[in-house]
Amino acid sequence: MARGASTNLRRRRSSGFGLQPDPEPRLTASTPGGIMSLQSRHSLAERVTVTRQASLGEFEQLLLLAVLRLGDQAFGSRIGDELEDKAGRRVSRGALYSSLDRLERKGYLEWEVEPPTEERGGHPARCFSITEGGLEALREHRRAYRELSAGLEDVLEPGATG
């Protein structure tokens, strides 16, 4: 919500107590020309189109890189092993799969079920792959990192004195 904006709350009879959101919100905001009031069932977000890519945290970047490195062998257990081997990050199975699922919801990963094998004890497995959106997100984060770290090599390199 915009700075200085508020929505009206009314006390309504309901099974619960306290303030409930007004069924027809009235948005008021301070503007340079005074106070603006919108009385509409449509939110400002529906009227303003903002293009913004879903954020990508450090651990999510590492997961995408591991999936990219493993290619057609990007199964959950192997992704966890890759994170530990290459990044020194141990991750629980629950944290790994919840993060992979979150990346799928963001549109950065997709998966297919691979048939059961003897190697997996007769169990099927999900094989993950990075989407074009995931690859673009990695490229953008890499570009930003390079630009921000340019000229700081003497400080960031091992053995550097800052």
C-alpha atoms as a PDB file:
ATOM      1  CA  MET A   1       0.000   0.000   0.000  1.00  0.00           C
ATOM      2  CA  ALA A   2       1.244   3.505  -0.781  1.00  0.00           C
ATOM      3  CA  ARG A   3       2.880   5.621   1.864  1.00  0.00           C
ATOM      4  CA  GLY A   4       0.237   7.483   3.811  1.00  0.00           C
ATOM      5  CA  ALA A   5      -2.486   5.197   2.464  1.00  0.00           C
ATOM      6  CA  SER A   6      -4.989   3.433   4.636  1.00  0.00           C
ATOM      7  CA  THR A   7      -8.040   1.273   4.195  1.00  0.00           C
ATOM      8  CA  ASN A   8     -11.150   1.789   6.260  1.00  0.00           C
ATOM      9  CA  LEU A   9     -12.058  -0.791   8.849  1.00  0.00           C
ATOM     10  CA  ARG A  10     -15.579  -1.108  10.212  1.00  0.00           C
ATOM     11  CA  ARG A  11     -16.834  -3.061  13.154  1.00  0.00           C
ATOM     12  CA  ARG A  12     -19.123  -5.713  11.729  1.00  0.00           C
ATOM     13  CA  ARG A  13     -21.211  -8.354  13.394  1.00  0.00           C
ATOM     14  CA  SER A  14     -19.641 -11.702  12.774  1.00  0.00           C
ATOM     15  CA  SER A  15     -18.819 -14.891  14.569  1.00  0.00           C
ATOM     16  CA  GLY A  16     -15.510 -13.298  15.546  1.00  0.00           C
ATOM     17  CA  PHE A  17     -14.699 -10.118  17.398  1.00  0.00           C
ATOM     18  CA  GLY A  18     -12.749  -7.055  16.441  1.00  0.00           C
ATOM     19  CA  LEU A  19     -12.414  -5.030  13.291  1.00  0.00           C
ATOM     20  CA  GLN A  20     -13.127  -6.563   9.916  1.00  0.00           C
ATOM     21  CA  PRO A  21     -12.097  -5.130   6.544  1.00  0.00           C
ATOM     22  CA  ASP A  22     -14.781  -3.017   4.942  1.00  0.00           C
ATOM     23  CA  PRO A  23     -16.390  -5.049   2.122  1.00  0.00           C
ATOM     24  CA  GLU A  24     -16.029  -1.987  -0.152  1.00  0.00           C
ATOM     25  CA  PRO A  25     -12.604  -0.597   0.738  1.00  0.00           C
ATOM     26  CA  ARG A  26     -12.017   3.103   0.435  1.00  0.00           C
ATOM     27  CA  LEU A  27      -8.410   3.951  -0.261  1.00  0.00           C
ATOM     28  CA  THR A  28      -7.193   7.340   0.824  1.00  0.00           C
ATOM     29  CA  ALA A  29      -3.698   8.579   0.173  1.00  0.00           C
ATOM     30  CA  SER A  30      -1.890  11.836   0.692  1.00  0.00           C
ATOM     31  CA  THR A  31      -0.755  13.359  -2.581  1.00  0.00           C
ATOM     32  CA  PRO A  32       1.034  16.631  -3.377  1.00  0.00           C
ATOM     33  CA  GLY A  33      -2.343  18.091  -4.377  1.00  0.00           C
ATOM     34  CA  GLY A  34      -4.172  16.985  -1.223  1.00  0.00           C
ATOM     35  CA  ILE A  35      -5.961  13.796  -0.220  1.00  0.00           C
ATOM     36  CA  MET A  36      -7.052  11.359  -2.886  1.00  0.00           C
ATOM     37  CA  SER A  37      -9.932   8.990  -2.269  1.00  0.00           C
ATOM     38  CA  LEU A  38     -10.829   5.997  -4.378  1.00  0.00           C
ATOM     39  CA  GLN A  39     -14.046   4.156  -3.765  1.00  0.00           C
ATOM     40  CA  SER A  40     -13.877   1.122  -5.949  1.00  0.00           C
ATOM     41  CA  ARG A  41     -14.007  -2.626  -5.792  1.00  0.00           C
ATOM     42  CA  HIS A  42     -10.880  -2.707  -7.957  1.00  0.00           C
ATOM     43  CA  SER A  43      -7.510  -2.326  -6.299  1.00  0.00           C
ATOM     44  CA  LEU A  44      -4.778  -0.052  -7.532  1.00  0.00           C
ATOM     45  CA  ALA A  45      -2.719  -3.152  -8.276  1.00  0.00           C
ATOM     46  CA  GLU A  46      -5.307  -4.185 -10.875  1.00  0.00           C
ATOM     47  CA  ARG A  47      -5.048  -0.775 -12.537  1.00  0.00           C
ATOM     48  CA  VAL A  48      -1.267  -0.488 -12.567  1.00  0.00           C
ATOM     49  CA  THR A  49       0.761  -3.080 -14.429  1.00  0.00           C
ATOM     50  CA  VAL A  50       4.146  -3.585 -12.829  1.00  0.00           C
ATOM     51  CA  THR A  51       6.578  -6.092 -14.271  1.00  0.00           C
ATOM     52  CA  ARG A  52       8.851  -7.503 -11.625  1.00  0.00           C
ATOM     53  CA  GLN A  53      10.529 -10.841 -11.565  1.00  0.00           C
ATOM     54  CA  ALA A  54      10.099 -12.940  -8.435  1.00  0.00           C
ATOM     55  CA  SER A  55      13.025 -12.480  -6.099  1.00  0.00           C
ATOM     56  CA  LEU A  56      15.739 -15.104  -5.919  1.00  0.00           C
ATOM     57  CA  GLY A  57      17.619 -15.723  -2.687  1.00  0.00           C
ATOM     58  CA  GLU A  58      21.175 -16.983  -2.339  1.00  0.00           C
ATOM     59  CA  PHE A  59      20.141 -20.565  -1.539  1.00  0.00           C
ATOM     60  CA  GLU A  60      17.721 -20.567  -4.468  1.00  0.00           C
ATOM     61  CA  GLN A  61      20.529 -19.435  -6.756  1.00  0.00           C
ATOM     62  CA  LEU A  62      22.675 -22.325  -5.526  1.00  0.00           C
ATOM     63  CA  LEU A  63      19.817 -24.767  -6.156  1.00  0.00           C
ATOM     64  CA  LEU A  64      19.323 -23.521  -9.709  1.00  0.00           C
ATOM     65  CA  LEU A  65      23.052 -23.759 -10.376  1.00  0.00           C
ATOM     66  CA  ALA A  66      23.131 -27.333  -9.027  1.00  0.00           C
ATOM     67  CA  VAL A  67      20.195 -28.324 -11.256  1.00  0.00           C
ATOM     68  CA  LEU A  68      21.910 -26.714 -14.237  1.00  0.00           C
ATOM     69  CA  ARG A  69      25.195 -28.561 -13.499  1.00  0.00           C
ATOM     70  CA  LEU A  70      23.495 -31.934 -13.096  1.00  0.00           C
ATOM     71  CA  GLY A  71      21.449 -31.740 -16.302  1.00  0.00           C
ATOM     72  CA  ASP A  72      19.382 -34.889 -16.831  1.00  0.00           C
ATOM     73  CA  GLN A  73      20.664 -36.296 -13.521  1.00  0.00           C
ATOM     74  CA  ALA A  74      19.074 -33.521 -11.398  1.00  0.00           C
ATOM     75  CA  PHE A  75      17.273 -35.734  -8.891  1.00  0.00           C
ATOM     76  CA  GLY A  76      16.644 -34.483  -5.349  1.00  0.00           C
ATOM     77  CA  SER A  77      19.320 -36.535  -3.605  1.00  0.00           C
ATOM     78  CA  ARG A  78      21.918 -35.657  -6.240  1.00  0.00           C
ATOM     79  CA  ILE A  79      21.050 -31.962  -5.976  1.00  0.00           C
ATOM     80  CA  GLY A  80      21.649 -32.175  -2.215  1.00  0.00           C
ATOM     81  CA  ASP A  81      24.983 -33.951  -2.799  1.00  0.00           C
ATOM     82  CA  GLU A  82      26.015 -31.309  -5.358  1.00  0.00           C
ATOM     83  CA  LEU A  83      25.245 -28.497  -2.889  1.00  0.00           C
ATOM     84  CA  GLU A  84      27.367 -30.173  -0.239  1.00  0.00           C
ATOM     85  CA  ASP A  85      30.259 -31.018  -2.589  1.00  0.00           C
ATOM     86  CA  LYS A  86      30.507 -27.747  -4.516  1.00  0.00           C
ATOM     87  CA  ALA A  87      29.102 -25.151  -2.110  1.00  0.00           C
ATOM     88  CA  GLY A  88      29.778 -26.746   1.276  1.00  0.00           C
ATOM     89  CA  ARG A  89      26.064 -26.500   2.142  1.00  0.00           C
ATOM     90  CA  ARG A  90      24.345 -29.381   3.889  1.00  0.00           C
ATOM     91  CA  VAL A  91      20.598 -29.279   3.557  1.00  0.00           C
ATOM     92  CA  SER A  92      17.864 -31.439   5.022  1.00  0.00           C
ATOM     93  CA  ARG A  93      15.601 -33.337   2.665  1.00  0.00           C
ATOM     94  CA  GLY A  94      12.588 -31.280   3.793  1.00  0.00           C
ATOM     95  CA  ALA A  95      14.332 -27.938   3.210  1.00  0.00           C
ATOM     96  CA  LEU A  96      15.606 -29.138  -0.161  1.00  0.00           C
ATOM     97  CA  TYR A  97      12.214 -30.227  -1.482  1.00  0.00           C
ATOM     98  CA  SER A  98      10.318 -27.241  -0.090  1.00  0.00           C
ATOM     99  CA  SER A  99      12.837 -24.935  -1.807  1.00  0.00           C
ATOM    100  CA  LEU A 100      12.600 -26.876  -5.076  1.00  0.00           C
ATOM    101  CA  ASP A 101       8.803 -26.657  -4.913  1.00  0.00           C
ATOM    102  CA  ARG A 102       9.008 -22.897  -4.245  1.00  0.00           C
ATOM    103  CA  LEU A 103      11.252 -22.479  -7.311  1.00  0.00           C
ATOM    104  CA  GLU A 104       8.702 -24.410  -9.350  1.00  0.00           C
ATOM    105  CA  ARG A 105       5.895 -22.097  -8.133  1.00  0.00           C
ATOM    106  CA  LYS A 106       8.018 -19.102  -9.161  1.00  0.00           C
ATOM    107  CA  GLY A 107       8.342 -20.635 -12.630  1.00  0.00           C
ATOM    108  CA  TYR A 108      12.110 -21.226 -12.399  1.00  0.00           C
ATOM    109  CA  LEU A 109      12.053 -25.046 -12.309  1.00  0.00           C
ATOM    110  CA  GLU A 110       9.988 -27.824 -13.768  1.00  0.00           C
ATOM    111  CA  TRP A 111      10.125 -31.561 -13.218  1.00  0.00           C
ATOM    112  CA  GLU A 112       9.122 -34.889 -14.674  1.00  0.00           C
ATOM    113  CA  VAL A 113       8.612 -38.188 -12.911  1.00  0.00           C
ATOM    114  CA  GLU A 114      11.201 -40.738 -13.950  1.00  0.00           C
ATOM    115  CA  PRO A 115      10.215 -44.424 -13.852  1.00  0.00           C
ATOM    116  CA  PRO A 116      11.340 -46.607 -10.944  1.00  0.00           C
ATOM    117  CA  THR A 117      14.791 -48.162 -11.097  1.00  0.00           C
ATOM    118  CA  GLU A 118      16.613 -50.781  -9.057  1.00  0.00           C
ATOM    119  CA  GLU A 119      19.200 -48.134  -8.129  1.00  0.00           C
ATOM    120  CA  ARG A 120      16.416 -46.174  -6.387  1.00  0.00           C
ATOM    121  CA  GLY A 121      14.956 -49.259  -4.732  1.00  0.00           C
ATOM    122  CA  GLY A 122      12.123 -49.488  -7.243  1.00  0.00           C
ATOM    123  CA  HIS A 123      10.901 -45.958  -6.519  1.00  0.00           C
ATOM    124  CA  PRO A 124      10.100 -43.291  -9.102  1.00  0.00           C
ATOM    125  CA  ALA A 125      11.909 -39.966  -8.822  1.00  0.00           C
ATOM    126  CA  ARG A 126      11.406 -36.386  -9.891  1.00  0.00           C
ATOM    127  CA  CYS A 127      13.994 -35.100 -12.335  1.00  0.00           C
ATOM    128  CA  PHE A 128      14.275 -31.306 -12.206  1.00  0.00           C
ATOM    129  CA  SER A 129      15.206 -28.950 -15.005  1.00  0.00           C
ATOM    130  CA  ILE A 130      15.632 -25.211 -15.135  1.00  0.00           C
ATOM    131  CA  THR A 131      13.157 -23.142 -17.164  1.00  0.00           C
ATOM    132  CA  GLU A 132      14.005 -20.227 -19.415  1.00  0.00           C
ATOM    133  CA  GLY A 133      12.741 -17.938 -16.625  1.00  0.00           C
ATOM    134  CA  GLY A 134      15.089 -19.606 -14.139  1.00  0.00           C
ATOM    135  CA  LEU A 135      18.015 -19.242 -16.492  1.00  0.00           C
ATOM    136  CA  GLU A 136      17.183 -15.573 -17.056  1.00  0.00           C
ATOM    137  CA  ALA A 137      16.974 -14.985 -13.280  1.00  0.00           C
ATOM    138  CA  LEU A 138      20.425 -16.548 -12.823  1.00  0.00           C
ATOM    139  CA  ARG A 139      21.843 -14.429 -15.620  1.00  0.00           C
ATOM    140  CA  GLU A 140      20.420 -11.256 -14.083  1.00  0.00           C
ATOM    141  CA  HIS A 141      21.791 -12.060 -10.615  1.00  0.00           C
ATOM    142  CA  ARG A 142      25.189 -12.909 -12.099  1.00  0.00           C
ATOM    143  CA  ARG A 143      25.232  -9.639 -14.060  1.00  0.00           C
ATOM    144  CA  ALA A 144      24.352  -7.631 -10.946  1.00  0.00           C
ATOM    145  CA  TYR A 145      27.020  -9.437  -8.897  1.00  0.00           C
ATOM    146  CA  ARG A 146      29.699  -8.758 -11.531  1.00  0.00           C
ATOM    147  CA  GLU A 147      28.775  -5.090 -11.758  1.00  0.00           C
ATOM    148  CA  LEU A 148      28.711  -4.591  -7.999  1.00  0.00           C
ATOM    149  CA  SER A 149      31.969  -6.459  -7.397  1.00  0.00           C
ATOM    150  CA  ALA A 150      33.899  -4.931 -10.314  1.00  0.00           C
ATOM    151  CA  GLY A 151      36.982  -3.128  -9.021  1.00  0.00           C
ATOM    152  CA  LEU A 152      36.812  -4.853  -5.630  1.00  0.00           C
ATOM    153  CA  GLU A 153      38.985  -7.825  -6.555  1.00  0.00           C
ATOM    154  CA  ASP A 154      41.838  -6.621  -4.336  1.00  0.00           C
ATOM    155  CA  VAL A 155      39.470  -6.733  -1.342  1.00  0.00           C
ATOM    156  CA  LEU A 156      37.425  -9.824  -2.222  1.00  0.00           C
ATOM    157  CA  GLU A 157      40.189 -12.189  -3.360  1.00  0.00           C
ATOM    158  CA  PRO A 158      41.652 -14.594  -0.773  1.00  0.00           C
ATOM    159  CA  GLY A 159      44.671 -13.134   0.975  1.00  0.00           C
ATOM    160  CA  ALA A 160      43.651  -9.575   0.101  1.00  0.00           C
ATOM    161  CA  THR A 161      44.142  -6.831   2.621  1.00  0.00           C
ATOM    162  CA  GLY A 162      41.218  -4.488   2.857  1.00  0.00           C
END
